[in-house]
Amino acid sequence: MTPICRRTPFMAAILLTAGLLSPARGEAAAWDPLEQVPGAAPVRVLVGGKPRVYYRITPQAPLAIRVTGPGSLRLVTRAELAHGAPGPVSYRLRVSDRHRSWKEHATESSPTPEVRLEEGQASVCKSRSLVVELPAGGHDLQIAASGVPSVLVRLLVSTPKGHEEAMVSITPIDASRSVTVSEGERLIPYYTVMHKRPVRLRIVGPTRLELSSRLDFDATMRGAQRYTLAVSVAGRRLREARLTTTKAVAAAYTDLKDRIPSKLDRTVLPLGPGLHELTVELLDPPGGAAEIHARIPQPSVGSEE
């Protein structure tokens, strides 16, 4: 197939810092992590050997975030203790804005050997969860902790069932080829990413990038297969998604007769204001290929208050 290299007009920006995903067809939406918070440094935590992005809050340094409703915000928290310190420990969380307290939560937990920091020697406690319901509109929230020196918090968002958000597809400015996925009565364009042959996207924020991906299965591949995608901007790694998948049952490539698509995986990245030139790479397997489809929420038009 002939390689492509397309350029598209810049997309209009929309006022959205941390958006919410559309739900799966006919089901409640899944929880999607927020792994970029402006002004906050992520902390990588290994949970059962799998990396997760958390943020550290202390009594002196709460975490400020902006989220958009309607939907729900889920906080997964883990107290952080000096290495070898005994448990259990008690701590309190408070979620508020400038005008009122949204929710307060007192809990206790104890260290677990199944969870550790990717870097550092502190002990990490078992997780505790808190859900905050979000009304429509944008909300500037502050998450504060007390009772322990520090708490690690993982942020996840979800939309209510039946709340559909208009999305638009993004055509890459550079890709080695395009393929078509047939699923049901839909034909969806995807773009191929291979080792050292990335796909490049140009997006104007603030917005949220929703990246759908499928691994190419050949005749020798059986059972579950792993693959790793990396998303970078100007050489800086934004996300490394380690995925495990199996062959799709109801989807097929119309123009790759010797390959079978995997089930769909979805990676979500909030993007800040300005122009973002993103590179999507396949890190593993080195000799494999995957297909991606990029979307952002429909840009708003007209005047805004």
C-alpha atoms as a PDB file:
ATOM      1  CA  MET A   1       0.000   0.000   0.000  1.00  0.00           C
ATOM      2  CA  THR A   2       1.260   3.462  -0.831  1.00  0.00           C
ATOM      3  CA  PRO A   3       2.642   5.348   2.190  1.00  0.00           C
ATOM      4  CA  ILE A   4       0.735   8.463   3.185  1.00  0.00           C
ATOM      5  CA  CYS A   5       1.782  11.796   4.562  1.00  0.00           C
ATOM      6  CA  ARG A   6      -1.197  14.059   5.125  1.00  0.00           C
ATOM      7  CA  ARG A   7      -1.428  17.480   6.678  1.00  0.00           C
ATOM      8  CA  THR A   8      -4.590  18.773   8.272  1.00  0.00           C
ATOM      9  CA  PRO A   9      -5.632  22.240   9.507  1.00  0.00           C
ATOM     10  CA  PHE A  10      -5.062  22.970  13.154  1.00  0.00           C
ATOM     11  CA  MET A  11      -8.023  21.912  15.278  1.00  0.00           C
ATOM     12  CA  ALA A  12      -9.808  24.593  17.302  1.00  0.00           C
ATOM     13  CA  ALA A  13      -9.096  24.574  21.028  1.00  0.00           C
ATOM     14  CA  ILE A  14     -11.778  23.717  23.569  1.00  0.00           C
ATOM     15  CA  LEU A  15     -12.056  24.679  27.190  1.00  0.00           C
ATOM     16  CA  LEU A  16     -11.355  21.329  28.822  1.00  0.00           C
ATOM     17  CA  THR A  17      -8.474  20.384  31.078  1.00  0.00           C
ATOM     18  CA  ALA A  18      -9.485  16.922  32.267  1.00  0.00           C
ATOM     19  CA  GLY A  19     -12.342  15.490  30.212  1.00  0.00           C
ATOM     20  CA  LEU A  20     -14.459  12.394  30.561  1.00  0.00           C
ATOM     21  CA  LEU A  21     -14.792   9.499  28.132  1.00  0.00           C
ATOM     22  CA  SER A  22     -17.931   8.443  26.313  1.00  0.00           C
ATOM     23  CA  PRO A  23     -19.307   5.204  27.725  1.00  0.00           C
ATOM     24  CA  ALA A  24     -19.075   1.882  25.946  1.00  0.00           C
ATOM     25  CA  ARG A  25     -22.057   0.975  23.835  1.00  0.00           C
ATOM     26  CA  GLY A  26     -24.974   0.130  26.108  1.00  0.00           C
ATOM     27  CA  GLU A  27     -22.829  -0.015  29.263  1.00  0.00           C
ATOM     28  CA  ALA A  28     -21.661   2.251  32.053  1.00  0.00           C
ATOM     29  CA  ALA A  29     -18.438   4.027  31.267  1.00  0.00           C
ATOM     30  CA  ALA A  30     -15.168   2.635  32.567  1.00  0.00           C
ATOM     31  CA  TRP A  31     -12.894   4.550  34.918  1.00  0.00           C
ATOM     32  CA  ASP A  32     -10.151   6.308  32.957  1.00  0.00           C
ATOM     33  CA  PRO A  33      -6.968   7.586  34.629  1.00  0.00           C
ATOM     34  CA  LEU A  34      -5.860  11.222  34.572  1.00  0.00           C
ATOM     35  CA  GLU A  35      -2.119  10.934  34.155  1.00  0.00           C
ATOM     36  CA  GLN A  36      -1.231  14.572  33.470  1.00  0.00           C
ATOM     37  CA  VAL A  37      -1.986  17.267  36.038  1.00  0.00           C
ATOM     38  CA  PRO A  38      -0.509  20.725  35.288  1.00  0.00           C
ATOM     39  CA  GLY A  39       2.022  21.741  37.919  1.00  0.00           C
ATOM     40  CA  ALA A  40       2.162  18.299  39.590  1.00  0.00           C
ATOM     41  CA  ALA A  41       4.904  15.690  39.237  1.00  0.00           C
ATOM     42  CA  PRO A  42       3.653  12.126  38.687  1.00  0.00           C
ATOM     43  CA  VAL A  43       4.867   9.334  40.962  1.00  0.00           C
ATOM     44  CA  ARG A  44       5.067   5.859  39.416  1.00  0.00           C
ATOM     45  CA  VAL A  45       3.852   3.104  41.703  1.00  0.00           C
ATOM     46  CA  LEU A  46       4.223  -0.601  40.890  1.00  0.00           C
ATOM     47  CA  VAL A  47       1.026  -2.457  41.821  1.00  0.00           C
ATOM     48  CA  GLY A  48       1.540  -6.180  41.376  1.00  0.00           C
ATOM     49  CA  GLY A  49       4.468  -5.280  39.121  1.00  0.00           C
ATOM     50  CA  LYS A  50       2.330  -3.034  36.867  1.00  0.00           C
ATOM     51  CA  PRO A  51       3.099   0.723  36.773  1.00  0.00           C
ATOM     52  CA  ARG A  52       0.414   3.186  37.846  1.00  0.00           C
ATOM     53  CA  VAL A  53       0.572   6.986  37.951  1.00  0.00           C
ATOM     54  CA  TYR A  54      -0.114   8.628  41.329  1.00  0.00           C
ATOM     55  CA  TYR A  55       0.438  12.117  42.741  1.00  0.00           C
ATOM     56  CA  ARG A  56       1.904  12.915  46.146  1.00  0.00           C
ATOM     57  CA  ILE A  57       0.042  15.234  48.521  1.00  0.00           C
ATOM     58  CA  THR A  58       1.127  16.383  51.965  1.00  0.00           C
ATOM     59  CA  PRO A  59      -0.549  18.462  54.689  1.00  0.00           C
ATOM     60  CA  GLN A  60       1.506  21.426  53.438  1.00  0.00           C
ATOM     61  CA  ALA A  61       1.043  20.783  49.702  1.00  0.00           C
ATOM     62  CA  PRO A  62      -2.461  19.768  48.498  1.00  0.00           C
ATOM     63  CA  LEU A  63      -3.122  18.799  44.893  1.00  0.00           C
ATOM     64  CA  ALA A  64      -5.018  21.207  42.617  1.00  0.00           C
ATOM     65  CA  ILE A  65      -6.878  19.742  39.629  1.00  0.00           C
ATOM     66  CA  ARG A  66      -9.478  20.863  37.099  1.00  0.00           C
ATOM     67  CA  VAL A  67     -12.175  18.395  36.038  1.00  0.00           C
ATOM     68  CA  THR A  68     -15.282  18.673  33.898  1.00  0.00           C
ATOM     69  CA  GLY A  69     -18.689  17.157  34.593  1.00  0.00           C
ATOM     70  CA  PRO A  70     -21.172  15.679  34.521  1.00  0.00           C
ATOM     71  CA  GLY A  71     -19.513  12.526  35.783  1.00  0.00           C
ATOM     72  CA  SER A  72     -17.591  11.107  38.697  1.00  0.00           C
ATOM     73  CA  LEU A  73     -14.083  11.532  40.062  1.00  0.00           C
ATOM     74  CA  ARG A  74     -12.567   8.534  41.839  1.00  0.00           C
ATOM     75  CA  LEU A  75      -9.594   8.947  44.178  1.00  0.00           C
ATOM     76  CA  VAL A  76      -7.519   5.846  44.923  1.00  0.00           C
ATOM     77  CA  THR A  77      -5.283   6.752  47.854  1.00  0.00           C
ATOM     78  CA  ARG A  78      -2.334   5.078  49.561  1.00  0.00           C
ATOM     79  CA  ALA A  79      -0.612   6.397  52.668  1.00  0.00           C
ATOM     80  CA  GLU A  80       3.157   6.655  52.276  1.00  0.00           C
ATOM     81  CA  LEU A  81       5.365   5.737  55.259  1.00  0.00           C
ATOM     82  CA  ALA A  82       9.055   5.606  56.051  1.00  0.00           C
ATOM     83  CA  HIS A  83      10.584   2.273  55.081  1.00  0.00           C
ATOM     84  CA  GLY A  84       9.930  -0.284  57.803  1.00  0.00           C
ATOM     85  CA  ALA A  85       7.441   1.907  59.703  1.00  0.00           C
ATOM     86  CA  PRO A  86       4.655  -0.141  61.324  1.00  0.00           C
ATOM     87  CA  GLY A  87       0.964   0.179  60.545  1.00  0.00           C
ATOM     88  CA  PRO A  88      -1.921   0.639  60.497  1.00  0.00           C
ATOM     89  CA  VAL A  89      -2.101   4.416  60.160  1.00  0.00           C
ATOM     90  CA  SER A  90      -5.099   6.759  60.024  1.00  0.00           C
ATOM     91  CA  TYR A  91      -5.464   9.715  57.682  1.00  0.00           C
ATOM     92  CA  ARG A  92      -8.114  12.110  56.401  1.00  0.00           C
ATOM     93  CA  LEU A  93      -8.847  13.428  52.897  1.00  0.00           C
ATOM     94  CA  ARG A  94     -10.725  16.601  51.988  1.00  0.00           C
ATOM     95  CA  VAL A  95     -11.947  17.588  48.524  1.00  0.00           C
ATOM     96  CA  SER A  96     -12.997  21.226  48.198  1.00  0.00           C
ATOM     97  CA  ASP A  97     -13.147  24.261  45.944  1.00  0.00           C
ATOM     98  CA  ARG A  98     -12.836  27.949  46.810  1.00  0.00           C
ATOM     99  CA  HIS A  99     -16.378  28.098  48.153  1.00  0.00           C
ATOM    100  CA  ARG A 100     -17.141  24.847  49.956  1.00  0.00           C
ATOM    101  CA  SER A 101     -16.062  21.393  51.019  1.00  0.00           C
ATOM    102  CA  TRP A 102     -17.231  18.728  48.579  1.00  0.00           C
ATOM    103  CA  LYS A 103     -16.318  15.654  50.575  1.00  0.00           C
ATOM    104  CA  GLU A 104     -14.308  14.583  53.620  1.00  0.00           C
ATOM    105  CA  HIS A 105     -13.181  11.032  54.240  1.00  0.00           C
ATOM    106  CA  ALA A 106     -11.399   9.459  57.233  1.00  0.00           C
ATOM    107  CA  THR A 107      -9.797   6.033  56.777  1.00  0.00           C
ATOM    108  CA  GLU A 108      -6.916   3.826  57.877  1.00  0.00           C
ATOM    109  CA  SER A 109      -4.575   1.430  56.107  1.00  0.00           C
ATOM    110  CA  SER A 110      -1.402  -0.601  56.562  1.00  0.00           C
ATOM    111  CA  PRO A 111       1.712  -1.236  54.436  1.00  0.00           C
ATOM    112  CA  THR A 112       1.556  -3.945  51.767  1.00  0.00           C
ATOM    113  CA  PRO A 113       4.523  -5.819  50.226  1.00  0.00           C
ATOM    114  CA  GLU A 114       2.657  -6.120  46.897  1.00  0.00           C
ATOM    115  CA  VAL A 115       2.998  -2.394  46.143  1.00  0.00           C
ATOM    116  CA  ARG A 116       6.167  -0.305  45.942  1.00  0.00           C
ATOM    117  CA  LEU A 117       7.505   2.893  44.471  1.00  0.00           C
ATOM    118  CA  GLU A 118       9.330   2.612  41.151  1.00  0.00           C
ATOM    119  CA  GLU A 119      11.907   4.978  42.646  1.00  0.00           C
ATOM    120  CA  GLY A 120      12.412   5.452  46.385  1.00  0.00           C
ATOM    121  CA  GLN A 121      12.416   3.358  49.545  1.00  0.00           C
ATOM    122  CA  ALA A 122       9.196   4.483  51.276  1.00  0.00           C
ATOM    123  CA  SER A 123       6.586   1.877  52.205  1.00  0.00           C
ATOM    124  CA  VAL A 124       3.225   2.108  50.429  1.00  0.00           C
ATOM    125  CA  CYS A 125      -0.052   1.179  52.118  1.00  0.00           C
ATOM    126  CA  LYS A 126      -3.095  -0.704  50.850  1.00  0.00           C
ATOM    127  CA  SER A 127      -5.450   1.373  48.707  1.00  0.00           C
ATOM    128  CA  ARG A 128      -8.558   3.179  49.864  1.00  0.00           C
ATOM    129  CA  SER A 129     -11.105   4.725  47.466  1.00  0.00           C
ATOM    130  CA  LEU A 130     -13.319   7.795  47.467  1.00  0.00           C
ATOM    131  CA  VAL A 131     -15.806   8.864  44.765  1.00  0.00           C
ATOM    132  CA  VAL A 132     -16.907  12.462  44.191  1.00  0.00           C
ATOM    133  CA  GLU A 133     -19.892  13.194  41.938  1.00  0.00           C
ATOM    134  CA  LEU A 134     -19.334  16.027  39.448  1.00  0.00           C
ATOM    135  CA  PRO A 135     -22.173  18.272  38.254  1.00  0.00           C
ATOM    136  CA  ALA A 136     -22.058  19.755  34.762  1.00  0.00           C
ATOM    137  CA  GLY A 137     -19.367  22.322  34.060  1.00  0.00           C
ATOM    138  CA  GLY A 138     -15.726  22.870  34.954  1.00  0.00           C
ATOM    139  CA  HIS A 139     -14.557  22.517  38.552  1.00  0.00           C
ATOM    140  CA  ASP A 140     -11.292  23.648  40.157  1.00  0.00           C
ATOM    141  CA  LEU A 141     -10.777  21.271  43.079  1.00  0.00           C
ATOM    142  CA  GLN A 142      -8.192  20.916  45.801  1.00  0.00           C
ATOM    143  CA  ILE A 143      -7.352  17.544  47.379  1.00  0.00           C
ATOM    144  CA  ALA A 144      -5.819  17.836  50.851  1.00  0.00           C
ATOM    145  CA  ALA A 145      -4.557  15.172  53.281  1.00  0.00           C
ATOM    146  CA  SER A 146      -3.783  15.142  57.012  1.00  0.00           C
ATOM    147  CA  GLY A 147      -2.731  12.608  59.640  1.00  0.00           C
ATOM    148  CA  VAL A 148       0.324  11.191  57.830  1.00  0.00           C
ATOM    149  CA  PRO A 149       3.416  12.800  56.247  1.00  0.00           C
ATOM    150  CA  SER A 150       2.215  12.078  52.697  1.00  0.00           C
ATOM    151  CA  VAL A 151      -0.513  10.342  50.698  1.00  0.00           C
ATOM    152  CA  LEU A 152      -0.322   9.064  47.110  1.00  0.00           C
ATOM    153  CA  VAL A 153      -3.476   9.628  45.077  1.00  0.00           C
ATOM    154  CA  ARG A 154      -4.493   8.136  41.721  1.00  0.00           C
ATOM    155  CA  LEU A 155      -7.159  10.056  39.760  1.00  0.00           C
ATOM    156  CA  LEU A 156      -9.794   8.398  37.586  1.00  0.00           C
ATOM    157  CA  VAL A 157     -12.861   9.836  35.873  1.00  0.00           C
ATOM    158  CA  SER A 158     -16.038   8.438  34.366  1.00  0.00           C
ATOM    159  CA  THR A 159     -19.122   9.813  32.622  1.00  0.00           C
ATOM    160  CA  PRO A 160     -22.651   8.804  33.599  1.00  0.00           C
ATOM    161  CA  LYS A 161     -24.313   6.038  31.630  1.00  0.00           C
ATOM    162  CA  GLY A 162     -25.987   7.365  28.531  1.00  0.00           C
ATOM    163  CA  HIS A 163     -23.983  10.620  28.418  1.00  0.00           C
ATOM    164  CA  GLU A 164     -22.547  10.751  24.921  1.00  0.00           C
ATOM    165  CA  GLU A 165     -19.819  13.214  23.982  1.00  0.00           C
ATOM    166  CA  ALA A 166     -19.299  14.295  20.377  1.00  0.00           C
ATOM    167  CA  MET A 167     -15.841  13.272  19.141  1.00  0.00           C
ATOM    168  CA  VAL A 168     -13.880  14.029  15.963  1.00  0.00           C
ATOM    169  CA  SER A 169     -11.207  11.859  14.371  1.00  0.00           C
ATOM    170  CA  ILE A 170      -7.662  13.151  13.807  1.00  0.00           C
ATOM    171  CA  THR A 171      -5.786  12.359  10.590  1.00  0.00           C
ATOM    172  CA  PRO A 172      -2.024  12.001  11.208  1.00  0.00           C
ATOM    173  CA  ILE A 173       0.392  14.410   9.571  1.00  0.00           C
ATOM    174  CA  ASP A 174       2.681  11.422   8.952  1.00  0.00           C
ATOM    175  CA  ALA A 175       2.048   7.657   8.878  1.00  0.00           C
ATOM    176  CA  SER A 176       3.496   4.737   6.958  1.00  0.00           C
ATOM    177  CA  ARG A 177       0.097   3.472   5.788  1.00  0.00           C
ATOM    178  CA  SER A 178      -3.629   3.507   6.502  1.00  0.00           C
ATOM    179  CA  VAL A 179      -5.889   0.474   6.956  1.00  0.00           C
ATOM    180  CA  THR A 180      -9.627   0.070   7.406  1.00  0.00           C
ATOM    181  CA  VAL A 181     -11.224  -1.842  10.263  1.00  0.00           C
ATOM    182  CA  SER A 182     -14.673  -3.309   9.597  1.00  0.00           C
ATOM    183  CA  GLU A 183     -16.735  -3.819  12.742  1.00  0.00           C
ATOM    184  CA  GLY A 184     -20.438  -4.464  12.459  1.00  0.00           C
ATOM    185  CA  GLU A 185     -21.651  -1.995   9.839  1.00  0.00           C
ATOM    186  CA  ARG A 186     -18.887   0.530  10.535  1.00  0.00           C
ATOM    187  CA  LEU A 187     -15.702   1.160   8.541  1.00  0.00           C
ATOM    188  CA  ILE A 188     -13.080   2.927  10.667  1.00  0.00           C
ATOM    189  CA  PRO A 189      -9.725   4.285   9.379  1.00  0.00           C
ATOM    190  CA  TYR A 190      -6.641   3.297  11.385  1.00  0.00           C
ATOM    191  CA  TYR A 191      -2.976   4.153  10.852  1.00  0.00           C
ATOM    192  CA  THR A 192      -0.050   1.763  11.197  1.00  0.00           C
ATOM    193  CA  VAL A 193       2.675   2.143  13.788  1.00  0.00           C
ATOM    194  CA  MET A 194       5.709  -0.129  13.705  1.00  0.00           C
ATOM    195  CA  HIS A 195       9.052  -0.242  15.504  1.00  0.00           C
ATOM    196  CA  LYS A 196      11.014   2.900  14.476  1.00  0.00           C
ATOM    197  CA  ARG A 197       8.167   3.869  12.119  1.00  0.00           C
ATOM    198  CA  PRO A 198       5.942   6.092  14.292  1.00  0.00           C
ATOM    199  CA  VAL A 199       2.718   7.936  13.584  1.00  0.00           C
ATOM    200  CA  ARG A 200       2.784  11.717  14.090  1.00  0.00           C
ATOM    201  CA  LEU A 201      -0.197  13.809  15.154  1.00  0.00           C
ATOM    202  CA  ARG A 202      -0.706  17.575  15.444  1.00  0.00           C
ATOM    203  CA  ILE A 203      -3.317  18.718  17.980  1.00  0.00           C
ATOM    204  CA  VAL A 204      -4.174  22.071  19.584  1.00  0.00           C
ATOM    205  CA  GLY A 205      -5.158  22.033  23.253  1.00  0.00           C
ATOM    206  CA  PRO A 206      -6.391  22.168  25.826  1.00  0.00           C
ATOM    207  CA  THR A 207      -8.176  18.960  24.957  1.00  0.00           C
ATOM    208  CA  ARG A 208      -8.064  15.218  25.523  1.00  0.00           C
ATOM    209  CA  LEU A 209      -6.572  12.669  23.126  1.00  0.00           C
ATOM    210  CA  GLU A 210      -8.352   9.333  22.944  1.00  0.00           C
ATOM    211  CA  LEU A 211      -6.109   6.787  21.226  1.00  0.00           C
ATOM    212  CA  SER A 212      -7.719   3.512  20.116  1.00  0.00           C
ATOM    213  CA  SER A 213      -5.239   0.757  19.217  1.00  0.00           C
ATOM    214  CA  ARG A 214      -5.259  -2.786  17.847  1.00  0.00           C
ATOM    215  CA  LEU A 215      -2.319  -5.178  17.573  1.00  0.00           C
ATOM    216  CA  ASP A 216      -1.901  -7.012  14.235  1.00  0.00           C
ATOM    217  CA  PHE A 217      -2.136 -10.809  14.698  1.00  0.00           C
ATOM    218  CA  ASP A 218      -0.473 -13.046  12.103  1.00  0.00           C
ATOM    219  CA  ALA A 219      -0.997 -16.782  11.586  1.00  0.00           C
ATOM    220  CA  THR A 220       1.689 -17.741  14.133  1.00  0.00           C
ATOM    221  CA  MET A 221       0.278 -15.757  17.072  1.00  0.00           C
ATOM    222  CA  ARG A 222      -1.831 -17.638  19.611  1.00  0.00           C
ATOM    223  CA  GLY A 223      -3.601 -16.585  22.786  1.00  0.00           C
ATOM    224  CA  ALA A 224      -2.899 -13.339  24.635  1.00  0.00           C
ATOM    225  CA  GLN A 225      -0.168 -11.095  23.232  1.00  0.00           C
ATOM    226  CA  ARG A 226       1.558  -8.071  24.757  1.00  0.00           C
ATOM    227  CA  TYR A 227       2.484  -4.830  23.069  1.00  0.00           C
ATOM    228  CA  THR A 228       3.748  -1.440  24.231  1.00  0.00           C
ATOM    229  CA  LEU A 229       2.888   1.967  22.791  1.00  0.00           C
ATOM    230  CA  ALA A 230       4.689   5.199  23.701  1.00  0.00           C
ATOM    231  CA  VAL A 231       3.370   8.725  23.156  1.00  0.00           C
ATOM    232  CA  SER A 232       5.896  11.570  23.177  1.00  0.00           C
ATOM    233  CA  VAL A 233       6.015  15.290  22.463  1.00  0.00           C
ATOM    234  CA  ALA A 234       9.298  17.021  21.540  1.00  0.00           C
ATOM    235  CA  GLY A 235      11.226  13.969  22.769  1.00  0.00           C
ATOM    236  CA  ARG A 236       9.468  13.970  26.168  1.00  0.00           C
ATOM    237  CA  ARG A 237       7.585  10.769  27.009  1.00  0.00           C
ATOM    238  CA  LEU A 238       3.963  11.481  27.970  1.00  0.00           C
ATOM    239  CA  ARG A 239       2.729   7.926  28.277  1.00  0.00           C
ATOM    240  CA  GLU A 240       3.994   4.381  27.942  1.00  0.00           C
ATOM    241  CA  ALA A 241       1.057   1.986  27.646  1.00  0.00           C
ATOM    242  CA  ARG A 242       1.817  -1.684  28.247  1.00  0.00           C
ATOM    243  CA  LEU A 243      -1.136  -3.614  26.849  1.00  0.00           C
ATOM    244  CA  THR A 244      -2.236  -7.257  26.698  1.00  0.00           C
ATOM    245  CA  THR A 245      -4.799  -8.311  24.118  1.00  0.00           C
ATOM    246  CA  THR A 246      -6.360 -11.186  22.151  1.00  0.00           C
ATOM    247  CA  LYS A 247      -7.841 -11.555  18.665  1.00  0.00           C
ATOM    248  CA  ALA A 248     -11.044  -9.658  17.924  1.00  0.00           C
ATOM    249  CA  VAL A 249     -14.120 -11.741  17.150  1.00  0.00           C
ATOM    250  CA  ALA A 250     -16.299  -9.158  15.393  1.00  0.00           C
ATOM    251  CA  ALA A 251     -13.662  -6.981  13.664  1.00  0.00           C
ATOM    252  CA  ALA A 252     -11.542  -7.484  10.530  1.00  0.00           C
ATOM    253  CA  TYR A 253      -9.177  -5.557   8.260  1.00  0.00           C
ATOM    254  CA  THR A 254     -10.629  -4.955   4.803  1.00  0.00           C
ATOM    255  CA  ASP A 255      -7.200  -4.414   3.219  1.00  0.00           C
ATOM    256  CA  LEU A 256      -4.866  -6.666   5.270  1.00  0.00           C
ATOM    257  CA  LYS A 257      -6.001 -10.161   4.365  1.00  0.00           C
ATOM    258  CA  ASP A 258      -3.106 -11.897   6.156  1.00  0.00           C
ATOM    259  CA  ARG A 259      -3.643 -10.095   9.476  1.00  0.00           C
ATOM    260  CA  ILE A 260      -6.350 -10.181  12.138  1.00  0.00           C
ATOM    261  CA  PRO A 261      -6.961  -7.181  14.421  1.00  0.00           C
ATOM    262  CA  SER A 262      -6.887  -7.538  18.163  1.00  0.00           C
ATOM    263  CA  LYS A 263      -9.622  -6.380  20.475  1.00  0.00           C
ATOM    264  CA  LEU A 264      -9.662  -2.617  20.935  1.00  0.00           C
ATOM    265  CA  ASP A 265      -7.497  -0.977  23.612  1.00  0.00           C
ATOM    266  CA  ARG A 266      -7.931   2.659  24.578  1.00  0.00           C
ATOM    267  CA  THR A 267      -5.340   5.110  25.948  1.00  0.00           C
ATOM    268  CA  VAL A 268      -6.388   8.591  27.105  1.00  0.00           C
ATOM    269  CA  LEU A 269      -4.110  11.637  27.486  1.00  0.00           C
ATOM    270  CA  PRO A 270      -5.216  15.107  28.602  1.00  0.00           C
ATOM    271  CA  LEU A 271      -3.300  17.819  26.738  1.00  0.00           C
ATOM    272  CA  GLY A 272      -2.655  21.340  27.973  1.00  0.00           C
ATOM    273  CA  PRO A 273      -3.003  24.604  26.037  1.00  0.00           C
ATOM    274  CA  GLY A 274      -1.035  25.170  22.853  1.00  0.00           C
ATOM    275  CA  LEU A 275       0.144  23.188  19.854  1.00  0.00           C
ATOM    276  CA  HIS A 276       1.193  19.576  20.463  1.00  0.00           C
ATOM    277  CA  GLU A 277       3.132  17.579  17.868  1.00  0.00           C
ATOM    278  CA  LEU A 278       2.845  14.033  19.163  1.00  0.00           C
ATOM    279  CA  THR A 279       4.756  10.905  18.184  1.00  0.00           C
ATOM    280  CA  VAL A 280       3.173   7.482  18.709  1.00  0.00           C
ATOM    281  CA  GLU A 281       5.696   4.623  18.694  1.00  0.00           C
ATOM    282  CA  LEU A 282       5.480   0.838  18.967  1.00  0.00           C
ATOM    283  CA  LEU A 283       8.206  -0.200  21.402  1.00  0.00           C
ATOM    284  CA  ASP A 284       7.336  -3.887  21.618  1.00  0.00           C
ATOM    285  CA  PRO A 285       7.235  -6.310  19.863  1.00  0.00           C
ATOM    286  CA  PRO A 286      10.105  -5.025  17.666  1.00  0.00           C
ATOM    287  CA  GLY A 287       8.987  -6.944  14.578  1.00  0.00           C
ATOM    288  CA  GLY A 288       5.259  -6.353  15.031  1.00  0.00           C
ATOM    289  CA  ALA A 289       2.736  -3.757  13.954  1.00  0.00           C
ATOM    290  CA  ALA A 290      -0.261  -2.063  15.516  1.00  0.00           C
ATOM    291  CA  GLU A 291      -2.994   0.197  14.186  1.00  0.00           C
ATOM    292  CA  ILE A 292      -4.170   3.395  15.900  1.00  0.00           C
ATOM    293  CA  HIS A 293      -7.171   5.711  15.580  1.00  0.00           C
ATOM    294  CA  ALA A 294      -6.998   9.133  17.282  1.00  0.00           C
ATOM    295  CA  ARG A 295      -9.961  11.251  18.431  1.00  0.00           C
ATOM    296  CA  ILE A 296     -10.559  14.421  20.435  1.00  0.00           C
ATOM    297  CA  PRO A 297     -13.795  15.952  21.744  1.00  0.00           C
ATOM    298  CA  GLN A 298     -15.661  18.058  19.209  1.00  0.00           C
ATOM    299  CA  PRO A 299     -14.196  21.600  19.374  1.00  0.00           C
ATOM    300  CA  SER A 300     -16.673  24.225  20.482  1.00  0.00           C
ATOM    301  CA  VAL A 301     -17.549  27.007  18.050  1.00  0.00           C
ATOM    302  CA  GLY A 302     -18.837  30.520  18.441  1.00  0.00           C
ATOM    303  CA  SER A 303     -18.354  32.891  21.343  1.00  0.00           C
ATOM    304  CA  GLU A 304     -17.802  31.677  24.878  1.00  0.00           C
ATOM    305  CA  GLU A 305     -18.663  33.338  28.182  1.00  0.00           C
END
